[in-house]
Amino acid sequence: EVRETNVIFDRCPADFLGYLLSHPDAEAFELEAWLPRVRAALETLDLIVFVPIEGRDRIKLPRSQDPHFRIQVDEGLNEILLENSLNFDVEVLQVAGTPQERLRQVLAHLRSKRDL
């Protein structure tokens, strides 16, 4: 069995909550029942890199996706991750700009943590 010590995930458990809590049927979701699982999963992560929707969005949405729902999810993730509305114990770094600029921001953050 090969175990990686450094893994990058495209999504994290907070995304799951962002989508569910923004859904029109969100009141049917039992947040309190899921919080211990989500909290435990998030606490295994060293860092969450949050890439919010930018003013000039870099991702062209297919016609099948609702842009308003996407904005609601982004706002929900902002509350969950940056405002820490659910009191998760996880480090969050918000990045912006081109993919290269985002990468530079993440690498600079990681270097600063290593130098501490």
C-alpha atoms as a PDB file:
ATOM      1  CA  GLU A   1       0.000   0.000   0.000  1.00  0.00           C
ATOM      2  CA  VAL A   2       1.380   3.397  -1.021  1.00  0.00           C
ATOM      3  CA  ARG A   3       0.471   6.284   1.260  1.00  0.00           C
ATOM      4  CA  GLU A   4       0.941   9.862   0.153  1.00  0.00           C
ATOM      5  CA  THR A   5       1.900  12.439   2.732  1.00  0.00           C
ATOM      6  CA  ASN A   6       0.952  15.387   0.534  1.00  0.00           C
ATOM      7  CA  VAL A   7      -2.372  15.191  -1.258  1.00  0.00           C
ATOM      8  CA  ILE A   8      -4.381  17.922  -2.971  1.00  0.00           C
ATOM      9  CA  PHE A   9      -8.142  17.478  -3.243  1.00  0.00           C
ATOM     10  CA  ASP A  10     -10.303  19.461  -5.643  1.00  0.00           C
ATOM     11  CA  ARG A  11     -13.177  19.562  -3.142  1.00  0.00           C
ATOM     12  CA  CYS A  12     -13.580  19.256   0.602  1.00  0.00           C
ATOM     13  CA  PRO A  13     -16.456  18.423   2.975  1.00  0.00           C
ATOM     14  CA  ALA A  14     -17.305  22.132   3.271  1.00  0.00           C
ATOM     15  CA  ASP A  15     -18.327  22.059  -0.403  1.00  0.00           C
ATOM     16  CA  PHE A  16     -20.855  19.367   0.452  1.00  0.00           C
ATOM     17  CA  LEU A  17     -22.392  21.698   3.045  1.00  0.00           C
ATOM     18  CA  GLY A  18     -22.240  24.722   0.754  1.00  0.00           C
ATOM     19  CA  TYR A  19     -24.297  22.971  -1.904  1.00  0.00           C
ATOM     20  CA  LEU A  20     -26.759  21.365   0.493  1.00  0.00           C
ATOM     21  CA  LEU A  21     -27.387  24.510   2.528  1.00  0.00           C
ATOM     22  CA  SER A  22     -27.950  26.542  -0.656  1.00  0.00           C
ATOM     23  CA  HIS A  23     -30.358  24.066  -2.203  1.00  0.00           C
ATOM     24  CA  PRO A  24     -34.056  25.062  -2.377  1.00  0.00           C
ATOM     25  CA  ASP A  25     -34.871  22.047  -0.170  1.00  0.00           C
ATOM     26  CA  ALA A  26     -32.177  22.924   2.403  1.00  0.00           C
ATOM     27  CA  GLU A  27     -34.606  22.789   5.322  1.00  0.00           C
ATOM     28  CA  ALA A  28     -34.956  19.039   4.727  1.00  0.00           C
ATOM     29  CA  PHE A  29     -31.215  18.604   5.413  1.00  0.00           C
ATOM     30  CA  GLU A  30     -30.390  17.841   9.042  1.00  0.00           C
ATOM     31  CA  LEU A  31     -27.236  19.892   9.494  1.00  0.00           C
ATOM     32  CA  GLU A  32     -26.764  19.011  13.163  1.00  0.00           C
ATOM     33  CA  ALA A  33     -26.768  15.305  12.338  1.00  0.00           C
ATOM     34  CA  TRP A  34     -23.968  15.736   9.780  1.00  0.00           C
ATOM     35  CA  LEU A  35     -21.782  18.293  11.574  1.00  0.00           C
ATOM     36  CA  PRO A  36     -19.731  15.763  13.604  1.00  0.00           C
ATOM     37  CA  ARG A  37     -18.814  13.835  10.438  1.00  0.00           C
ATOM     38  CA  VAL A  38     -17.993  16.948   8.461  1.00  0.00           C
ATOM     39  CA  ARG A  39     -16.012  18.421  11.367  1.00  0.00           C
ATOM     40  CA  ALA A  40     -13.987  15.209  11.768  1.00  0.00           C
ATOM     41  CA  ALA A  41     -13.245  15.084   8.032  1.00  0.00           C
ATOM     42  CA  LEU A  42     -12.234  18.764   7.868  1.00  0.00           C
ATOM     43  CA  GLU A  43      -9.918  18.406  10.839  1.00  0.00           C
ATOM     44  CA  THR A  44      -7.836  15.889   8.881  1.00  0.00           C
ATOM     45  CA  LEU A  45      -6.945  18.634   6.388  1.00  0.00           C
ATOM     46  CA  ASP A  46      -3.944  20.907   6.858  1.00  0.00           C
ATOM     47  CA  LEU A  47      -5.272  23.726   4.701  1.00  0.00           C
ATOM     48  CA  ILE A  48      -8.335  24.610   2.666  1.00  0.00           C
ATOM     49  CA  VAL A  49      -7.685  26.912  -0.280  1.00  0.00           C
ATOM     50  CA  PHE A  50     -10.873  28.848  -0.973  1.00  0.00           C
ATOM     51  CA  VAL A  51     -11.252  30.171  -4.524  1.00  0.00           C
ATOM     52  CA  PRO A  52     -14.357  32.373  -4.531  1.00  0.00           C
ATOM     53  CA  ILE A  53     -16.202  33.513  -7.613  1.00  0.00           C
ATOM     54  CA  GLU A  54     -14.348  36.528  -8.926  1.00  0.00           C
ATOM     55  CA  GLY A  55     -15.868  39.686 -10.390  1.00  0.00           C
ATOM     56  CA  ARG A  56     -14.990  38.520 -13.867  1.00  0.00           C
ATOM     57  CA  ASP A  57     -15.635  34.843 -13.447  1.00  0.00           C
ATOM     58  CA  ARG A  58     -12.995  32.650 -15.067  1.00  0.00           C
ATOM     59  CA  ILE A  59     -15.274  29.648 -15.526  1.00  0.00           C
ATOM     60  CA  LYS A  60     -17.808  29.641 -18.323  1.00  0.00           C
ATOM     61  CA  LEU A  61     -20.932  27.922 -17.080  1.00  0.00           C
ATOM     62  CA  PRO A  62     -22.812  25.465 -19.248  1.00  0.00           C
ATOM     63  CA  ARG A  63     -26.423  26.418 -19.920  1.00  0.00           C
ATOM     64  CA  SER A  64     -27.572  23.597 -17.654  1.00  0.00           C
ATOM     65  CA  GLN A  65     -26.115  25.307 -14.550  1.00  0.00           C
ATOM     66  CA  ASP A  66     -27.982  27.981 -12.632  1.00  0.00           C
ATOM     67  CA  PRO A  67     -25.707  31.008 -12.105  1.00  0.00           C
ATOM     68  CA  HIS A  68     -27.807  32.223  -9.152  1.00  0.00           C
ATOM     69  CA  PHE A  69     -27.413  28.883  -7.367  1.00  0.00           C
ATOM     70  CA  ARG A  70     -23.676  29.055  -7.969  1.00  0.00           C
ATOM     71  CA  ILE A  71     -23.555  32.496  -6.332  1.00  0.00           C
ATOM     72  CA  GLN A  72     -25.573  31.220  -3.366  1.00  0.00           C
ATOM     73  CA  VAL A  73     -23.136  28.333  -2.903  1.00  0.00           C
ATOM     74  CA  ASP A  74     -20.194  30.740  -3.099  1.00  0.00           C
ATOM     75  CA  GLU A  75     -21.777  32.980  -0.453  1.00  0.00           C
ATOM     76  CA  GLY A  76     -22.490  29.942   1.730  1.00  0.00           C
ATOM     77  CA  LEU A  77     -18.907  28.755   1.436  1.00  0.00           C
ATOM     78  CA  ASN A  78     -17.711  32.232   2.355  1.00  0.00           C
ATOM     79  CA  GLU A  79     -19.783  32.048   5.556  1.00  0.00           C
ATOM     80  CA  ILE A  80     -18.674  28.502   6.349  1.00  0.00           C
ATOM     81  CA  LEU A  81     -14.975  28.925   5.569  1.00  0.00           C
ATOM     82  CA  LEU A  82     -14.008  32.581   5.982  1.00  0.00           C
ATOM     83  CA  GLU A  83     -16.525  33.696   8.589  1.00  0.00           C
ATOM     84  CA  ASN A  84     -16.285  30.250  10.232  1.00  0.00           C
ATOM     85  CA  SER A  85     -20.011  30.227  10.957  1.00  0.00           C
ATOM     86  CA  LEU A  86     -19.906  26.542  11.927  1.00  0.00           C
ATOM     87  CA  ASN A  87     -16.776  26.829  14.101  1.00  0.00           C
ATOM     88  CA  PHE A  88     -14.555  24.443  12.169  1.00  0.00           C
ATOM     89  CA  ASP A  89     -10.965  24.102  13.343  1.00  0.00           C
ATOM     90  CA  VAL A  90      -9.244  24.273   9.959  1.00  0.00           C
ATOM     91  CA  GLU A  91      -6.938  26.789   8.330  1.00  0.00           C
ATOM     92  CA  VAL A  92      -8.405  28.551   5.287  1.00  0.00           C
ATOM     93  CA  LEU A  93      -6.518  30.575   2.692  1.00  0.00           C
ATOM     94  CA  GLN A  94      -8.489  32.646   0.206  1.00  0.00           C
ATOM     95  CA  VAL A  95      -6.811  33.154  -3.165  1.00  0.00           C
ATOM     96  CA  ALA A  96      -7.699  35.128  -6.272  1.00  0.00           C
ATOM     97  CA  GLY A  97      -6.389  35.927  -9.724  1.00  0.00           C
ATOM     98  CA  THR A  98      -5.160  33.786 -12.567  1.00  0.00           C
ATOM     99  CA  PRO A  99      -4.356  30.141 -11.870  1.00  0.00           C
ATOM    100  CA  GLN A 100      -0.657  31.096 -11.795  1.00  0.00           C
ATOM    101  CA  GLU A 101      -1.330  33.906  -9.295  1.00  0.00           C
ATOM    102  CA  ARG A 102      -3.362  31.547  -7.133  1.00  0.00           C
ATOM    103  CA  LEU A 103      -0.546  29.009  -7.179  1.00  0.00           C
ATOM    104  CA  ARG A 104       1.968  31.686  -6.157  1.00  0.00           C
ATOM    105  CA  GLN A 105      -0.285  32.693  -3.245  1.00  0.00           C
ATOM    106  CA  VAL A 106      -0.575  29.102  -2.025  1.00  0.00           C
ATOM    107  CA  LEU A 107       3.161  28.435  -2.346  1.00  0.00           C
ATOM    108  CA  ALA A 108       4.013  31.685  -0.539  1.00  0.00           C
ATOM    109  CA  HIS A 109       1.636  30.722   2.270  1.00  0.00           C
ATOM    110  CA  LEU A 110       3.152  27.247   2.564  1.00  0.00           C
ATOM    111  CA  ARG A 111       6.686  28.690   2.578  1.00  0.00           C
ATOM    112  CA  SER A 112       5.751  31.135   5.342  1.00  0.00           C
ATOM    113  CA  LYS A 113       4.330  28.274   7.427  1.00  0.00           C
ATOM    114  CA  ARG A 114       7.479  26.208   6.892  1.00  0.00           C
ATOM    115  CA  ASP A 115       9.681  29.132   7.992  1.00  0.00           C
ATOM    116  CA  LEU A 116       7.856  29.550  11.324  1.00  0.00           C
END
